Amino acid sequence: MENDIEKTDEVLEEVPDSDKKSVGRKISSGIVELLIYCAIMVLCITFVPRYVLQRTIVSGSSMESTLHNKENLLVEKVSYRFKDPDRFDVIVFYPYGRESDDYYIKRVIGLPGETVQIKGDTIYINGEEIKENYGKDPMVYAGIAEEPLKLADDEFFVLGDNREVSEDSRYEEVGPVKRENIEGKAILRIYPFSEFGIFE
């Protein structure tokens, strides 16, 4: 009987050590999880907006009726690392270079190496009229594209959809957009929620 009591005492003495190890393992596991969550948060805050997806706010009416003032967009930055923008993509770019905080949202019309000319409200690419119906109103100002404008191998010609108020590649202050100043492609309207979705 005494032996049984001694054995029981030994078992009781071993339990706290086991509990301590279990608690230690839980704390270690919790710290590891916390570090993983912190790393994910840092990636989401720094890496994702800079290299993958970024929220952008529309300012002004130059892209009406496609986009409106204060709408929030998601801009995708990955695809343009592997290919050039396509005609009619809606892009975000820095008109005065990346050293400036000013960015514009416009639609790609002319591609590198092409010749752009605007006659009346008709756009010609390499002498051929292009069919597009993005303009809100007929265009009356051709700007620097009144005469044939040859784009360099790293330049894009952009227009706002609301062409009567849009400051775009027709204006000398903006001109053709350099490839290096294009931030990404606007792909999704995320606010207002009633307008959530992909746009043309």
C-alpha atoms as a PDB file:
ATOM      1  CA  MET A   1       0.000   0.000   0.000  1.00  0.00           C
ATOM      2  CA  GLU A   2       2.797   2.380   0.893  1.00  0.00           C
ATOM      3  CA  ASN A   3       4.429   1.608  -2.466  1.00  0.00           C
ATOM      4  CA  ASP A   4       1.213   2.523  -4.218  1.00  0.00           C
ATOM      5  CA  ILE A   5       1.082   5.829  -2.373  1.00  0.00           C
ATOM      6  CA  GLU A   6       4.683   6.565  -3.291  1.00  0.00           C
ATOM      7  CA  LYS A   7       3.968   5.824  -6.960  1.00  0.00           C
ATOM      8  CA  THR A   8       0.940   8.096  -6.858  1.00  0.00           C
ATOM      9  CA  ASP A   9       3.022  10.899  -5.374  1.00  0.00           C
ATOM     10  CA  GLU A  10       5.585  10.461  -8.138  1.00  0.00           C
ATOM     11  CA  VAL A  11       2.891  10.714 -10.804  1.00  0.00           C
ATOM     12  CA  LEU A  12       1.467  13.828  -9.180  1.00  0.00           C
ATOM     13  CA  GLU A  13       4.903  15.422  -9.134  1.00  0.00           C
ATOM     14  CA  GLU A  14       5.421  14.718 -12.871  1.00  0.00           C
ATOM     15  CA  VAL A  15       2.219  16.457 -14.020  1.00  0.00           C
ATOM     16  CA  PRO A  16       3.354  20.046 -13.441  1.00  0.00           C
ATOM     17  CA  ASP A  17       6.489  19.501 -15.571  1.00  0.00           C
ATOM     18  CA  SER A  18       4.365  18.161 -18.390  1.00  0.00           C
ATOM     19  CA  ASP A  19       1.996  21.113 -18.091  1.00  0.00           C
ATOM     20  CA  LYS A  20       4.925  23.516 -18.168  1.00  0.00           C
ATOM     21  CA  LYS A  21       6.225  21.977 -21.387  1.00  0.00           C
ATOM     22  CA  SER A  22       2.746  22.131 -22.931  1.00  0.00           C
ATOM     23  CA  VAL A  23       2.335  25.778 -21.948  1.00  0.00           C
ATOM     24  CA  GLY A  24       5.825  26.520 -23.278  1.00  0.00           C
ATOM     25  CA  ARG A  25       4.979  24.903 -26.591  1.00  0.00           C
ATOM     26  CA  LYS A  26       1.734  26.907 -26.828  1.00  0.00           C
ATOM     27  CA  ILE A  27       3.553  30.165 -26.115  1.00  0.00           C
ATOM     28  CA  SER A  28       6.223  29.358 -28.705  1.00  0.00           C
ATOM     29  CA  SER A  29       3.562  28.436 -31.233  1.00  0.00           C
ATOM     30  CA  GLY A  30       1.673  31.661 -30.464  1.00  0.00           C
ATOM     31  CA  ILE A  31       4.804  33.775 -30.952  1.00  0.00           C
ATOM     32  CA  VAL A  32       5.539  32.095 -34.285  1.00  0.00           C
ATOM     33  CA  GLU A  33       1.958  32.714 -35.461  1.00  0.00           C
ATOM     34  CA  LEU A  34       2.160  36.339 -34.354  1.00  0.00           C
ATOM     35  CA  LEU A  35       5.422  36.816 -36.258  1.00  0.00           C
ATOM     36  CA  ILE A  36       3.874  35.252 -39.384  1.00  0.00           C
ATOM     37  CA  TYR A  37       0.838  37.565 -39.136  1.00  0.00           C
ATOM     38  CA  CYS A  38       3.133  40.571 -38.668  1.00  0.00           C
ATOM     39  CA  ALA A  39       5.157  39.562 -41.728  1.00  0.00           C
ATOM     40  CA  ILE A  40       1.961  39.194 -43.781  1.00  0.00           C
ATOM     41  CA  MET A  41       0.753  42.608 -42.622  1.00  0.00           C
ATOM     42  CA  VAL A  42       4.071  44.220 -43.537  1.00  0.00           C
ATOM     43  CA  LEU A  43       3.866  42.616 -47.000  1.00  0.00           C
ATOM     44  CA  CYS A  44       0.288  43.805 -47.453  1.00  0.00           C
ATOM     45  CA  ILE A  45       1.131  47.345 -46.361  1.00  0.00           C
ATOM     46  CA  THR A  46       4.403  47.766 -48.274  1.00  0.00           C
ATOM     47  CA  PHE A  47       4.910  45.171 -51.017  1.00  0.00           C
ATOM     48  CA  VAL A  48       1.362  44.717 -52.358  1.00  0.00           C
ATOM     49  CA  PRO A  49       0.503  48.430 -52.948  1.00  0.00           C
ATOM     50  CA  ARG A  50       3.906  49.093 -54.468  1.00  0.00           C
ATOM     51  CA  TYR A  51       4.191  46.112 -56.793  1.00  0.00           C
ATOM     52  CA  VAL A  52       0.823  44.331 -57.107  1.00  0.00           C
ATOM     53  CA  LEU A  53      -2.404  46.252 -56.387  1.00  0.00           C
ATOM     54  CA  GLN A  54      -3.044  49.831 -55.396  1.00  0.00           C
ATOM     55  CA  ARG A  55      -6.188  51.791 -54.577  1.00  0.00           C
ATOM     56  CA  THR A  56      -6.526  54.982 -56.621  1.00  0.00           C
ATOM     57  CA  ILE A  57      -9.107  57.751 -56.371  1.00  0.00           C
ATOM     58  CA  VAL A  58     -10.519  59.451 -59.479  1.00  0.00           C
ATOM     59  CA  SER A  59     -10.147  63.216 -59.326  1.00  0.00           C
ATOM     60  CA  GLY A  60     -12.250  65.315 -61.658  1.00  0.00           C
ATOM     61  CA  SER A  61     -14.524  64.576 -64.600  1.00  0.00           C
ATOM     62  CA  SER A  62     -12.019  63.876 -67.407  1.00  0.00           C
ATOM     63  CA  MET A  63     -12.971  60.179 -67.645  1.00  0.00           C
ATOM     64  CA  GLU A  64     -16.756  60.577 -67.644  1.00  0.00           C
ATOM     65  CA  SER A  65     -18.952  58.786 -68.463  1.00  0.00           C
ATOM     66  CA  THR A  66     -16.753  55.761 -67.716  1.00  0.00           C
ATOM     67  CA  LEU A  67     -15.403  56.971 -64.371  1.00  0.00           C
ATOM     68  CA  HIS A  68     -16.592  59.711 -62.048  1.00  0.00           C
ATOM     69  CA  ASN A  69     -15.054  62.049 -59.502  1.00  0.00           C
ATOM     70  CA  LYS A  70     -14.126  60.415 -56.165  1.00  0.00           C
ATOM     71  CA  GLU A  71     -14.676  56.861 -57.380  1.00  0.00           C
ATOM     72  CA  ASN A  72     -12.159  54.376 -55.963  1.00  0.00           C
ATOM     73  CA  LEU A  73     -10.349  52.004 -58.310  1.00  0.00           C
ATOM     74  CA  LEU A  74      -7.976  49.094 -57.991  1.00  0.00           C
ATOM     75  CA  VAL A  75      -4.897  49.457 -60.178  1.00  0.00           C
ATOM     76  CA  GLU A  76      -3.089  46.261 -61.165  1.00  0.00           C
ATOM     77  CA  LYS A  77       0.676  46.624 -61.603  1.00  0.00           C
ATOM     78  CA  VAL A  78       1.908  43.136 -62.447  1.00  0.00           C
ATOM     79  CA  SER A  79       0.907  42.587 -66.093  1.00  0.00           C
ATOM     80  CA  TYR A  80       2.732  45.670 -67.402  1.00  0.00           C
ATOM     81  CA  ARG A  81       5.978  44.253 -66.064  1.00  0.00           C
ATOM     82  CA  PHE A  82       5.677  41.576 -68.752  1.00  0.00           C
ATOM     83  CA  LYS A  83       3.876  43.367 -71.582  1.00  0.00           C
ATOM     84  CA  ASP A  84       2.992  46.828 -72.845  1.00  0.00           C
ATOM     85  CA  PRO A  85      -0.449  48.375 -72.342  1.00  0.00           C
ATOM     86  CA  ASP A  86      -3.020  47.548 -75.019  1.00  0.00           C
ATOM     87  CA  ARG A  87      -5.046  50.055 -76.968  1.00  0.00           C
ATOM     88  CA  PHE A  88      -8.060  51.275 -74.949  1.00  0.00           C
ATOM     89  CA  ASP A  89      -6.623  50.172 -71.579  1.00  0.00           C
ATOM     90  CA  VAL A  90      -7.387  52.658 -68.801  1.00  0.00           C
ATOM     91  CA  ILE A  91      -4.045  53.447 -67.200  1.00  0.00           C
ATOM     92  CA  VAL A  92      -2.679  55.392 -64.252  1.00  0.00           C
ATOM     93  CA  PHE A  93       0.496  57.352 -65.019  1.00  0.00           C
ATOM     94  CA  TYR A  94       2.648  60.221 -63.819  1.00  0.00           C
ATOM     95  CA  PRO A  95       2.413  62.976 -66.460  1.00  0.00           C
ATOM     96  CA  TYR A  96       5.310  64.963 -65.024  1.00  0.00           C
ATOM     97  CA  GLY A  97       7.516  62.000 -64.120  1.00  0.00           C
ATOM     98  CA  ARG A  98       7.690  59.803 -61.051  1.00  0.00           C
ATOM     99  CA  GLU A  99       9.379  62.500 -58.999  1.00  0.00           C
ATOM    100  CA  SER A 100       5.981  64.270 -58.977  1.00  0.00           C
ATOM    101  CA  ASP A 101       3.021  63.057 -56.897  1.00  0.00           C
ATOM    102  CA  ASP A 102       0.522  64.057 -59.601  1.00  0.00           C
ATOM    103  CA  TYR A 103      -1.053  61.142 -61.436  1.00  0.00           C
ATOM    104  CA  TYR A 104      -3.627  60.964 -64.225  1.00  0.00           C
ATOM    105  CA  ILE A 105      -6.130  58.315 -65.274  1.00  0.00           C
ATOM    106  CA  LYS A 106      -6.627  58.152 -69.066  1.00  0.00           C
ATOM    107  CA  ARG A 107      -7.298  55.746 -71.912  1.00  0.00           C
ATOM    108  CA  VAL A 108      -4.560  54.457 -74.232  1.00  0.00           C
ATOM    109  CA  ILE A 109      -5.230  55.395 -77.852  1.00  0.00           C
ATOM    110  CA  GLY A 110      -1.870  55.339 -79.654  1.00  0.00           C
ATOM    111  CA  LEU A 111       0.829  52.699 -79.176  1.00  0.00           C
ATOM    112  CA  PRO A 112       4.632  52.949 -79.474  1.00  0.00           C
ATOM    113  CA  GLY A 113       5.871  53.571 -83.014  1.00  0.00           C
ATOM    114  CA  GLU A 114       2.441  54.572 -84.338  1.00  0.00           C
ATOM    115  CA  THR A 115       1.501  57.879 -85.932  1.00  0.00           C
ATOM    116  CA  VAL A 116      -1.521  59.594 -84.376  1.00  0.00           C
ATOM    117  CA  GLN A 117      -3.568  62.355 -85.980  1.00  0.00           C
ATOM    118  CA  ILE A 118      -6.882  63.904 -84.967  1.00  0.00           C
ATOM    119  CA  LYS A 119      -9.103  65.500 -87.608  1.00  0.00           C
ATOM    120  CA  GLY A 120     -12.304  66.945 -86.224  1.00  0.00           C
ATOM    121  CA  ASP A 121     -13.534  64.303 -83.797  1.00  0.00           C
ATOM    122  CA  THR A 122     -11.954  61.421 -85.713  1.00  0.00           C
ATOM    123  CA  ILE A 123      -8.747  59.706 -84.608  1.00  0.00           C
ATOM    124  CA  TYR A 124      -6.374  58.243 -87.176  1.00  0.00           C
ATOM    125  CA  ILE A 125      -3.664  55.716 -86.407  1.00  0.00           C
ATOM    126  CA  ASN A 126      -1.077  55.316 -89.173  1.00  0.00           C
ATOM    127  CA  GLY A 127      -3.512  57.037 -91.524  1.00  0.00           C
ATOM    128  CA  GLU A 128      -6.398  54.674 -90.715  1.00  0.00           C
ATOM    129  CA  GLU A 129      -9.490  55.794 -88.806  1.00  0.00           C
ATOM    130  CA  ILE A 130      -9.932  53.858 -85.578  1.00  0.00           C
ATOM    131  CA  LYS A 131     -13.373  52.809 -84.456  1.00  0.00           C
ATOM    132  CA  GLU A 132     -14.039  53.648 -80.828  1.00  0.00           C
ATOM    133  CA  ASN A 133     -16.981  55.005 -78.883  1.00  0.00           C
ATOM    134  CA  TYR A 134     -15.436  55.954 -75.561  1.00  0.00           C
ATOM    135  CA  GLY A 135     -15.659  59.714 -76.054  1.00  0.00           C
ATOM    136  CA  LYS A 136     -18.456  61.325 -74.067  1.00  0.00           C
ATOM    137  CA  ASP A 137     -18.884  64.179 -76.559  1.00  0.00           C
ATOM    138  CA  PRO A 138     -17.503  64.914 -80.037  1.00  0.00           C
ATOM    139  CA  MET A 139     -13.911  66.113 -79.871  1.00  0.00           C
ATOM    140  CA  VAL A 140     -13.207  69.665 -81.112  1.00  0.00           C
ATOM    141  CA  TYR A 141      -9.602  70.182 -79.984  1.00  0.00           C
ATOM    142  CA  ALA A 142      -6.807  68.190 -81.629  1.00  0.00           C
ATOM    143  CA  GLY A 143      -3.884  69.948 -79.970  1.00  0.00           C
ATOM    144  CA  ILE A 144      -0.452  68.633 -80.925  1.00  0.00           C
ATOM    145  CA  ALA A 145      -2.142  65.775 -82.816  1.00  0.00           C
ATOM    146  CA  GLU A 146      -3.653  68.141 -85.372  1.00  0.00           C
ATOM    147  CA  GLU A 147      -0.653  67.244 -87.503  1.00  0.00           C
ATOM    148  CA  PRO A 148       0.606  63.638 -87.694  1.00  0.00           C
ATOM    149  CA  LEU A 149       2.387  62.820 -84.429  1.00  0.00           C
ATOM    150  CA  LYS A 150       4.909  59.984 -84.537  1.00  0.00           C
ATOM    151  CA  LEU A 151       5.270  58.180 -81.204  1.00  0.00           C
ATOM    152  CA  ALA A 152       8.657  56.974 -80.030  1.00  0.00           C
ATOM    153  CA  ASP A 153       9.273  53.315 -79.175  1.00  0.00           C
ATOM    154  CA  ASP A 154       8.501  53.995 -75.505  1.00  0.00           C
ATOM    155  CA  GLU A 155       5.581  56.427 -75.887  1.00  0.00           C
ATOM    156  CA  PHE A 156       1.788  56.115 -75.681  1.00  0.00           C
ATOM    157  CA  PHE A 157      -0.880  58.595 -76.742  1.00  0.00           C
ATOM    158  CA  VAL A 158      -3.697  58.877 -74.185  1.00  0.00           C
ATOM    159  CA  LEU A 159      -7.056  60.624 -74.076  1.00  0.00           C
ATOM    160  CA  GLY A 160      -9.669  61.143 -71.397  1.00  0.00           C
ATOM    161  CA  ASP A 161     -13.135  59.873 -72.260  1.00  0.00           C
ATOM    162  CA  ASN A 162     -14.605  63.310 -71.507  1.00  0.00           C
ATOM    163  CA  ARG A 163     -12.467  64.915 -74.168  1.00  0.00           C
ATOM    164  CA  GLU A 164     -13.771  68.452 -73.887  1.00  0.00           C
ATOM    165  CA  VAL A 165     -12.370  68.808 -70.352  1.00  0.00           C
ATOM    166  CA  SER A 166      -9.550  66.260 -70.339  1.00  0.00           C
ATOM    167  CA  GLU A 167      -5.935  67.384 -70.128  1.00  0.00           C
ATOM    168  CA  ASP A 168      -4.196  64.583 -71.995  1.00  0.00           C
ATOM    169  CA  SER A 169      -1.658  63.822 -74.731  1.00  0.00           C
ATOM    170  CA  ARG A 170      -3.129  66.524 -76.978  1.00  0.00           C
ATOM    171  CA  TYR A 171      -1.609  69.137 -74.680  1.00  0.00           C
ATOM    172  CA  GLU A 172       2.083  69.950 -74.767  1.00  0.00           C
ATOM    173  CA  GLU A 173       2.212  69.994 -70.944  1.00  0.00           C
ATOM    174  CA  VAL A 174       1.367  66.264 -70.937  1.00  0.00           C
ATOM    175  CA  GLY A 175       2.213  65.007 -74.410  1.00  0.00           C
ATOM    176  CA  PRO A 176       2.885  61.354 -75.183  1.00  0.00           C
ATOM    177  CA  VAL A 177       3.309  59.237 -72.045  1.00  0.00           C
ATOM    178  CA  LYS A 178       6.645  57.544 -71.465  1.00  0.00           C
ATOM    179  CA  ARG A 179       6.479  53.817 -70.670  1.00  0.00           C
ATOM    180  CA  GLU A 180       8.521  54.322 -67.493  1.00  0.00           C
ATOM    181  CA  ASN A 181       5.878  56.699 -66.109  1.00  0.00           C
ATOM    182  CA  ILE A 182       2.986  54.246 -66.380  1.00  0.00           C
ATOM    183  CA  GLU A 183       2.045  52.878 -62.968  1.00  0.00           C
ATOM    184  CA  GLY A 184      -0.536  50.251 -63.913  1.00  0.00           C
ATOM    185  CA  LYS A 185      -3.901  49.335 -65.370  1.00  0.00           C
ATOM    186  CA  ALA A 186      -7.160  50.321 -63.700  1.00  0.00           C
ATOM    187  CA  ILE A 187      -9.192  47.119 -63.531  1.00  0.00           C
ATOM    188  CA  LEU A 188     -11.915  47.393 -60.914  1.00  0.00           C
ATOM    189  CA  ARG A 189     -14.213  50.029 -59.416  1.00  0.00           C
ATOM    190  CA  ILE A 190     -14.478  49.327 -55.686  1.00  0.00           C
ATOM    191  CA  TYR A 191     -16.379  52.427 -54.519  1.00  0.00           C
ATOM    192  CA  PRO A 192     -19.145  53.491 -54.487  1.00  0.00           C
ATOM    193  CA  PHE A 193     -20.364  49.999 -53.665  1.00  0.00           C
ATOM    194  CA  SER A 194     -23.420  50.456 -55.891  1.00  0.00           C
ATOM    195  CA  GLU A 195     -21.044  50.722 -58.881  1.00  0.00           C
ATOM    196  CA  PHE A 196     -18.680  47.935 -57.814  1.00  0.00           C
ATOM    197  CA  GLY A 197     -17.298  45.950 -60.728  1.00  0.00           C
ATOM    198  CA  ILE A 198     -15.164  45.888 -63.852  1.00  0.00           C
ATOM    199  CA  PHE A 199     -15.547  48.765 -66.330  1.00  0.00           C
ATOM    200  CA  GLU A 200     -14.654  49.070 -70.009  1.00  0.00           C
END
